[in-house]
Amino acid sequence: MDFWGISLYQSWRNGRVNITGDIGYNASDGISANLIEKTTFAGQIGVKLLKGDMRWGLGYSVNTSSHNNDQMINATWQLSF
């Protein structure tokens, strides 16, 4: 039996508040607070695909602060057995 699925995900952090979310067959989100001294921003967005025992993902993330800026593109492949 083949199963197809897709989910979108995103998260961001601005200052002292973290927000994460996942949209798809299994969805969750939450908000948490961290105490920090500097203003920062972190965010990510991407897509995950599922077919049978294999999963593929492609995402983009950015992290910025007053002293540093990072950007990353990632690709994933997973086989469950």
PDB file of N, CA and C in Angstrom:
ATOM      1  N   MET A   1       0.845  -1.174   0.000  1.00  0.00           N
ATOM      2  CA  MET A   1       0.000   0.000   0.000  1.00  0.00           C
ATOM      3  C   MET A   1       0.892   1.240   0.000  1.00  0.00           C
ATOM      4  N   ASP A   2       0.717   2.093  -0.978  1.00  0.00           N
ATOM      5  CA  ASP A   2       1.487   3.337  -1.052  1.00  0.00           C
ATOM      6  C   ASP A   2       0.723   4.453  -0.367  1.00  0.00           C
ATOM      7  N   PHE A   3       1.465   5.331   0.264  1.00  0.00           N
ATOM      8  CA  PHE A   3       0.876   6.467   0.958  1.00  0.00           C
ATOM      9  C   PHE A   3       1.635   7.711   0.551  1.00  0.00           C
ATOM     10  N   TRP A   4       0.921   8.718   0.130  1.00  0.00           N
ATOM     11  CA  TRP A   4       1.511  10.014  -0.191  1.00  0.00           C
ATOM     12  C   TRP A   4       1.116  11.016   0.876  1.00  0.00           C
ATOM     13  N   GLY A   5       2.018  11.884   1.236  1.00  0.00           N
ATOM     14  CA  GLY A   5       1.711  12.933   2.191  1.00  0.00           C
ATOM     15  C   GLY A   5       2.587  14.138   1.937  1.00  0.00           C
ATOM     16  N   ILE A   6       2.170  15.267   2.409  1.00  0.00           N
ATOM     17  CA  ILE A   6       2.945  16.499   2.284  1.00  0.00           C
ATOM     18  C   ILE A   6       2.677  17.345   3.514  1.00  0.00           C
ATOM     19  N   SER A   7       3.688  18.041   3.987  1.00  0.00           N
ATOM     20  CA  SER A   7       3.493  18.964   5.097  1.00  0.00           C
ATOM     21  C   SER A   7       4.374  20.181   4.881  1.00  0.00           C
ATOM     22  N   LEU A   8       3.920  21.307   5.323  1.00  0.00           N
ATOM     23  CA  LEU A   8       4.678  22.551   5.302  1.00  0.00           C
ATOM     24  C   LEU A   8       5.012  22.905   6.740  1.00  0.00           C
ATOM     25  N   TYR A   9       6.172  23.502   6.943  1.00  0.00           N
ATOM     26  CA  TYR A   9       6.535  23.889   8.297  1.00  0.00           C
ATOM     27  C   TYR A   9       7.154  25.273   8.279  1.00  0.00           C
ATOM     28  N   GLN A  10       7.109  25.917   9.426  1.00  0.00           N
ATOM     29  CA  GLN A  10       7.719  27.225   9.580  1.00  0.00           C
ATOM     30  C   GLN A  10       7.929  27.487  11.058  1.00  0.00           C
ATOM     31  N   SER A  11       8.879  28.344  11.360  1.00  0.00           N
ATOM     32  CA  SER A  11       9.055  28.816  12.730  1.00  0.00           C
ATOM     33  C   SER A  11       9.821  30.127  12.683  1.00  0.00           C
ATOM     34  N   TRP A  12       9.660  30.913  13.680  1.00  0.00           N
ATOM     35  CA  TRP A  12      10.432  32.140  13.778  1.00  0.00           C
ATOM     36  C   TRP A  12      10.573  32.528  15.230  1.00  0.00           C
ATOM     37  N   ARG A  13      11.636  33.305  15.504  1.00  0.00           N
ATOM     38  CA  ARG A  13      11.887  33.829  16.841  1.00  0.00           C
ATOM     39  C   ARG A  13      12.264  35.284  16.676  1.00  0.00           C
ATOM     40  N   ASN A  14      11.637  36.139  17.415  1.00  0.00           N
ATOM     41  CA  ASN A  14      11.940  37.560  17.367  1.00  0.00           C
ATOM     42  C   ASN A  14      12.054  38.047  18.800  1.00  0.00           C
ATOM     43  N   GLY A  15      13.259  38.424  19.193  1.00  0.00           N
ATOM     44  CA  GLY A  15      13.459  38.890  20.553  1.00  0.00           C
ATOM     45  C   GLY A  15      13.294  37.769  21.560  1.00  0.00           C
ATOM     46  N   ARG A  16      12.314  37.872  22.443  1.00  0.00           N
ATOM     47  CA  ARG A  16      12.159  36.921  23.540  1.00  0.00           C
ATOM     48  C   ARG A  16      11.078  35.885  23.312  1.00  0.00           C
ATOM     49  N   VAL A  17      10.445  35.860  22.151  1.00  0.00           N
ATOM     50  CA  VAL A  17       9.329  34.939  21.912  1.00  0.00           C
ATOM     51  C   VAL A  17       9.669  34.006  20.753  1.00  0.00           C
ATOM     52  N   ASN A  18       9.516  32.692  20.961  1.00  0.00           N
ATOM     53  CA  ASN A  18       9.693  31.685  19.907  1.00  0.00           C
ATOM     54  C   ASN A  18       8.320  31.223  19.449  1.00  0.00           C
ATOM     55  N   ILE A  19       8.128  31.077  18.151  1.00  0.00           N
ATOM     56  CA  ILE A  19       6.872  30.568  17.605  1.00  0.00           C
ATOM     57  C   ILE A  19       7.218  29.484  16.595  1.00  0.00           C
ATOM     58  N   THR A  20       6.620  28.310  16.733  1.00  0.00           N
ATOM     59  CA  THR A  20       6.849  27.230  15.781  1.00  0.00           C
ATOM     60  C   THR A  20       5.514  26.689  15.319  1.00  0.00           C
ATOM     61  N   GLY A  21       5.499  26.110  14.131  1.00  0.00           N
ATOM     62  CA  GLY A  21       4.269  25.527  13.611  1.00  0.00           C
ATOM     63  C   GLY A  21       4.569  24.439  12.605  1.00  0.00           C
ATOM     64  N   ASP A  22       3.626  23.550  12.416  1.00  0.00           N
ATOM     65  CA  ASP A  22       3.743  22.459  11.452  1.00  0.00           C
ATOM     66  C   ASP A  22       2.360  22.234  10.873  1.00  0.00           C
ATOM     67  N   ILE A  23       2.251  22.289   9.559  1.00  0.00           N
ATOM     68  CA  ILE A  23       0.967  22.106   8.893  1.00  0.00           C
ATOM     69  C   ILE A  23       1.051  20.822   8.096  1.00  0.00           C
ATOM     70  N   GLY A  24       0.146  19.906   8.302  1.00  0.00           N
ATOM     71  CA  GLY A  24       0.174  18.650   7.576  1.00  0.00           C
ATOM     72  C   GLY A  24      -0.753  17.647   8.225  1.00  0.00           C
ATOM     73  N   TYR A  25      -0.450  16.360   8.048  1.00  0.00           N
ATOM     74  CA  TYR A  25      -1.280  15.319   8.631  1.00  0.00           C
ATOM     75  C   TYR A  25      -1.179  15.308  10.158  1.00  0.00           C
ATOM     76  N   ASN A  26       0.004  15.588  10.676  1.00  0.00           N
ATOM     77  CA  ASN A  26       0.205  15.740  12.109  1.00  0.00           C
ATOM     78  C   ASN A  26       0.640  17.177  12.342  1.00  0.00           C
ATOM     79  N   ALA A  27      -0.198  17.974  12.954  1.00  0.00           N
ATOM     80  CA  ALA A  27       0.097  19.393  13.113  1.00  0.00           C
ATOM     81  C   ALA A  27       0.292  19.731  14.578  1.00  0.00           C
ATOM     82  N   SER A  28       1.210  20.657  14.829  1.00  0.00           N
ATOM     83  CA  SER A  28       1.411  21.143  16.188  1.00  0.00           C
ATOM     84  C   SER A  28       1.988  22.544  16.115  1.00  0.00           C
ATOM     85  N   ASP A  29       1.764  23.303  17.145  1.00  0.00           N
ATOM     86  CA  ASP A  29       2.389  24.607  17.251  1.00  0.00           C
ATOM     87  C   ASP A  29       2.522  24.951  18.720  1.00  0.00           C
ATOM     88  N   GLY A  30       3.368  25.916  19.015  1.00  0.00           N
ATOM     89  CA  GLY A  30       3.564  26.314  20.399  1.00  0.00           C
ATOM     90  C   GLY A  30       4.278  27.638  20.479  1.00  0.00           C
ATOM     91  N   ILE A  31       4.212  28.230  21.626  1.00  0.00           N
ATOM     92  CA  ILE A  31       4.887  29.496  21.897  1.00  0.00           C
ATOM     93  C   ILE A  31       5.654  29.328  23.203  1.00  0.00           C
ATOM     94  N   SER A  32       6.926  29.725  23.204  1.00  0.00           N
ATOM     95  CA  SER A  32       7.721  29.674  24.424  1.00  0.00           C
ATOM     96  C   SER A  32       8.529  30.956  24.527  1.00  0.00           C
ATOM     97  N   ALA A  33       8.911  31.313  25.717  1.00  0.00           N
ATOM     98  CA  ALA A  33       9.665  32.544  25.951  1.00  0.00           C
ATOM     99  C   ALA A  33      11.055  32.203  26.471  1.00  0.00           C
ATOM    100  N   ASN A  34      12.073  32.867  25.939  1.00  0.00           N
ATOM    101  CA  ASN A  34      13.452  32.727  26.399  1.00  0.00           C
ATOM    102  C   ASN A  34      13.955  34.105  26.805  1.00  0.00           C
ATOM    103  N   LEU A  35      14.690  34.176  27.883  1.00  0.00           N
ATOM    104  CA  LEU A  35      15.267  35.441  28.314  1.00  0.00           C
ATOM    105  C   LEU A  35      16.613  35.627  27.622  1.00  0.00           C
ATOM    106  N   ILE A  36      16.735  36.708  26.867  1.00  0.00           N
ATOM    107  CA  ILE A  36      17.974  37.017  26.168  1.00  0.00           C
ATOM    108  C   ILE A  36      18.262  38.500  26.326  1.00  0.00           C
ATOM    109  N   GLU A  37      19.508  38.867  26.136  1.00  0.00           N
ATOM    110  CA  GLU A  37      19.899  40.256  26.312  1.00  0.00           C
ATOM    111  C   GLU A  37      19.906  41.049  25.017  1.00  0.00           C
ATOM    112  N   LYS A  38      20.082  40.400  23.896  1.00  0.00           N
ATOM    113  CA  LYS A  38      20.166  41.078  22.606  1.00  0.00           C
ATOM    114  C   LYS A  38      18.952  40.738  21.759  1.00  0.00           C
ATOM    115  N   THR A  39      18.604  41.618  20.841  1.00  0.00           N
ATOM    116  CA  THR A  39      17.508  41.350  19.916  1.00  0.00           C
ATOM    117  C   THR A  39      17.995  40.411  18.822  1.00  0.00           C
ATOM    118  N   THR A  40      17.247  39.335  18.601  1.00  0.00           N
ATOM    119  CA  THR A  40      17.603  38.361  17.575  1.00  0.00           C
ATOM    120  C   THR A  40      16.364  37.993  16.780  1.00  0.00           C
ATOM    121  N   PHE A  41      16.590  37.425  15.611  1.00  0.00           N
ATOM    122  CA  PHE A  41      15.502  36.897  14.791  1.00  0.00           C
ATOM    123  C   PHE A  41      15.968  35.589  14.182  1.00  0.00           C
ATOM    124  N   ALA A  42      15.131  34.559  14.262  1.00  0.00           N
ATOM    125  CA  ALA A  42      15.424  33.274  13.629  1.00  0.00           C
ATOM    126  C   ALA A  42      14.151  32.784  12.973  1.00  0.00           C
ATOM    127  N   GLY A  43      14.254  32.287  11.749  1.00  0.00           N
ATOM    128  CA  GLY A  43      13.075  31.791  11.054  1.00  0.00           C
ATOM    129  C   GLY A  43      13.429  30.667  10.108  1.00  0.00           C
ATOM    130  N   GLN A  44      12.451  29.819   9.822  1.00  0.00           N
ATOM    131  CA  GLN A  44      12.656  28.751   8.847  1.00  0.00           C
ATOM    132  C   GLN A  44      11.354  28.453   8.134  1.00  0.00           C
ATOM    133  N   ILE A  45      11.482  27.959   6.911  1.00  0.00           N
ATOM    134  CA  ILE A  45      10.324  27.571   6.119  1.00  0.00           C
ATOM    135  C   ILE A  45      10.765  26.436   5.200  1.00  0.00           C
ATOM    136  N   GLY A  46       9.861  25.547   4.877  1.00  0.00           N
ATOM    137  CA  GLY A  46      10.237  24.441   4.011  1.00  0.00           C
ATOM    138  C   GLY A  46       9.057  23.543   3.698  1.00  0.00           C
ATOM    139  N   VAL A  47       9.362  22.449   3.029  1.00  0.00           N
ATOM    140  CA  VAL A  47       8.337  21.483   2.648  1.00  0.00           C
ATOM    141  C   VAL A  47       8.903  20.085   2.869  1.00  0.00           C
ATOM    142  N   LYS A  48       8.036  19.149   3.288  1.00  0.00           N
ATOM    143  CA  LYS A  48       8.408  17.750   3.462  1.00  0.00           C
ATOM    144  C   LYS A  48       7.443  16.891   2.663  1.00  0.00           C
ATOM    145  N   LEU A  49       7.966  15.916   1.934  1.00  0.00           N
ATOM    146  CA  LEU A  49       7.159  14.992   1.140  1.00  0.00           C
ATOM    147  C   LEU A  49       7.335  13.583   1.685  1.00  0.00           C
ATOM    148  N   LEU A  50       6.262  12.788   1.632  1.00  0.00           N
ATOM    149  CA  LEU A  50       6.274  11.428   2.146  1.00  0.00           C
ATOM    150  C   LEU A  50       5.664  10.491   1.121  1.00  0.00           C
ATOM    151  N   LYS A  51       6.352   9.380   0.825  1.00  0.00           N
ATOM    152  CA  LYS A  51       5.803   8.319  -0.027  1.00  0.00           C
ATOM    153  C   LYS A  51       6.290   6.991   0.522  1.00  0.00           C
ATOM    154  N   GLY A  52       5.359   6.186   1.030  1.00  0.00           N
ATOM    155  CA  GLY A  52       5.726   4.897   1.600  1.00  0.00           C
ATOM    156  C   GLY A  52       6.688   5.054   2.760  1.00  0.00           C
ATOM    157  N   ASP A  53       7.874   4.441   2.647  1.00  0.00           N
ATOM    158  CA  ASP A  53       8.882   4.494   3.706  1.00  0.00           C
ATOM    159  C   ASP A  53       9.913   5.596   3.497  1.00  0.00           C
ATOM    160  N   MET A  54       9.750   6.428   2.468  1.00  0.00           N
ATOM    161  CA  MET A  54      10.728   7.470   2.173  1.00  0.00           C
ATOM    162  C   MET A  54      10.147   8.858   2.428  1.00  0.00           C
ATOM    163  N   ARG A  55      11.031   9.754   2.890  1.00  0.00           N
ATOM    164  CA  ARG A  55      10.667  11.151   3.125  1.00  0.00           C
ATOM    165  C   ARG A  55      11.746  12.044   2.524  1.00  0.00           C
ATOM    166  N   TRP A  56      11.320  13.119   1.906  1.00  0.00           N
ATOM    167  CA  TRP A  56      12.216  14.126   1.356  1.00  0.00           C
ATOM    168  C   TRP A  56      11.848  15.470   1.960  1.00  0.00           C
ATOM    169  N   GLY A  57      12.832  16.334   2.133  1.00  0.00           N
ATOM    170  CA  GLY A  57      12.572  17.659   2.665  1.00  0.00           C
ATOM    171  C   GLY A  57      13.504  18.688   2.057  1.00  0.00           C
ATOM    172  N   LEU A  58      13.030  19.907   1.959  1.00  0.00           N
ATOM    173  CA  LEU A  58      13.815  21.035   1.475  1.00  0.00           C
ATOM    174  C   LEU A  58      13.423  22.236   2.316  1.00  0.00           C
ATOM    175  N   GLY A  59      14.406  22.939   2.870  1.00  0.00           N
ATOM    176  CA  GLY A  59      14.093  24.050   3.754  1.00  0.00           C
ATOM    177  C   GLY A  59      15.098  25.185   3.656  1.00  0.00           C
ATOM    178  N   TYR A  60      14.707  26.314   4.194  1.00  0.00           N
ATOM    179  CA  TYR A  60      15.529  27.521   4.245  1.00  0.00           C
ATOM    180  C   TYR A  60      15.406  28.107   5.641  1.00  0.00           C
ATOM    181  N   SER A  61      16.518  28.537   6.225  1.00  0.00           N
ATOM    182  CA  SER A  61      16.465  29.165   7.543  1.00  0.00           C
ATOM    183  C   SER A  61      17.373  30.388   7.566  1.00  0.00           C
ATOM    184  N   VAL A  62      17.028  31.321   8.428  1.00  0.00           N
ATOM    185  CA  VAL A  62      17.817  32.536   8.611  1.00  0.00           C
ATOM    186  C   VAL A  62      17.886  32.834  10.108  1.00  0.00           C
ATOM    187  N   ASN A  63      19.070  33.231  10.568  1.00  0.00           N
ATOM    188  CA  ASN A  63      19.293  33.639  11.953  1.00  0.00           C
ATOM    189  C   ASN A  63      20.047  34.956  11.924  1.00  0.00           C
ATOM    190  N   THR A  64      19.530  35.962  12.588  1.00  0.00           N
ATOM    191  CA  THR A  64      20.195  37.259  12.615  1.00  0.00           C
ATOM    192  C   THR A  64      20.255  37.776  14.042  1.00  0.00           C
ATOM    193  N   SER A  65      21.276  38.550  14.326  1.00  0.00           N
ATOM    194  CA  SER A  65      21.400  39.248  15.601  1.00  0.00           C
ATOM    195  C   SER A  65      22.186  40.521  15.337  1.00  0.00           C
ATOM    196  N   SER A  66      22.473  41.247  16.382  1.00  0.00           N
ATOM    197  CA  SER A  66      23.208  42.492  16.198  1.00  0.00           C
ATOM    198  C   SER A  66      24.654  42.252  15.764  1.00  0.00           C
ATOM    199  N   HIS A  67      25.175  41.017  15.942  1.00  0.00           N
ATOM    200  CA  HIS A  67      26.567  40.730  15.600  1.00  0.00           C
ATOM    201  C   HIS A  67      26.745  39.689  14.504  1.00  0.00           C
ATOM    202  N   ASN A  68      25.686  39.003  14.077  1.00  0.00           N
ATOM    203  CA  ASN A  68      25.866  37.874  13.168  1.00  0.00           C
ATOM    204  C   ASN A  68      24.625  37.670  12.310  1.00  0.00           C
ATOM    205  N   ASN A  69      24.828  37.252  11.058  1.00  0.00           N
ATOM    206  CA  ASN A  69      23.743  36.884  10.148  1.00  0.00           C
ATOM    207  C   ASN A  69      24.084  35.546   9.510  1.00  0.00           C
ATOM    208  N   ASP A  70      23.206  34.563   9.628  1.00  0.00           N
ATOM    209  CA  ASP A  70      23.404  33.238   9.042  1.00  0.00           C
ATOM    210  C   ASP A  70      22.196  32.880   8.198  1.00  0.00           C
ATOM    211  N   GLN A  71      22.451  32.269   7.037  1.00  0.00           N
ATOM    212  CA  GLN A  71      21.396  31.734   6.181  1.00  0.00           C
ATOM    213  C   GLN A  71      21.785  30.316   5.789  1.00  0.00           C
ATOM    214  N   MET A  72      20.798  29.419   5.693  1.00  0.00           N
ATOM    215  CA  MET A  72      21.091  28.029   5.368  1.00  0.00           C
ATOM    216  C   MET A  72      19.964  27.433   4.533  1.00  0.00           C
ATOM    217  N   ILE A  73      20.343  26.658   3.521  1.00  0.00           N
ATOM    218  CA  ILE A  73      19.401  25.849   2.748  1.00  0.00           C
ATOM    219  C   ILE A  73      19.748  24.396   3.047  1.00  0.00           C
ATOM    220  N   ASN A  74      18.741  23.581   3.374  1.00  0.00           N
ATOM    221  CA  ASN A  74      19.018  22.182   3.667  1.00  0.00           C
ATOM    222  C   ASN A  74      18.082  21.278   2.893  1.00  0.00           C
ATOM    223  N   ALA A  75      18.603  20.109   2.575  1.00  0.00           N
ATOM    224  CA  ALA A  75      17.826  19.067   1.905  1.00  0.00           C
ATOM    225  C   ALA A  75      17.993  17.784   2.710  1.00  0.00           C
ATOM    226  N   THR A  76      16.910  17.028   2.880  1.00  0.00           N
ATOM    227  CA  THR A  76      16.964  15.794   3.655  1.00  0.00           C
ATOM    228  C   THR A  76      16.311  14.660   2.879  1.00  0.00           C
ATOM    229  N   TRP A  77      16.763  13.459   3.161  1.00  0.00           N
ATOM    230  CA  TRP A  77      16.156  12.236   2.643  1.00  0.00           C
ATOM    231  C   TRP A  77      16.193  11.222   3.765  1.00  0.00           C
ATOM    232  N   GLN A  78      15.085  10.552   4.002  1.00  0.00           N
ATOM    233  CA  GLN A  78      14.995   9.584   5.090  1.00  0.00           C
ATOM    234  C   GLN A  78      14.308   8.320   4.601  1.00  0.00           C
ATOM    235  N   LEU A  79      14.865   7.180   4.969  1.00  0.00           N
ATOM    236  CA  LEU A  79      14.279   5.882   4.656  1.00  0.00           C
ATOM    237  C   LEU A  79      13.990   5.176   5.969  1.00  0.00           C
ATOM    238  N   SER A  80      12.743   4.796   6.177  1.00  0.00           N
ATOM    239  CA  SER A  80      12.345   4.078   7.390  1.00  0.00           C
ATOM    240  C   SER A  80      12.185   2.606   7.057  1.00  0.00           C
ATOM    241  N   PHE A  81      12.761   1.756   7.903  1.00  0.00           N
ATOM    242  CA  PHE A  81      12.598   0.315   7.704  1.00  0.00           C
ATOM    243  C   PHE A  81      12.590  -0.407   9.024  1.00  0.00           C
TER     244      PHE A  81
END
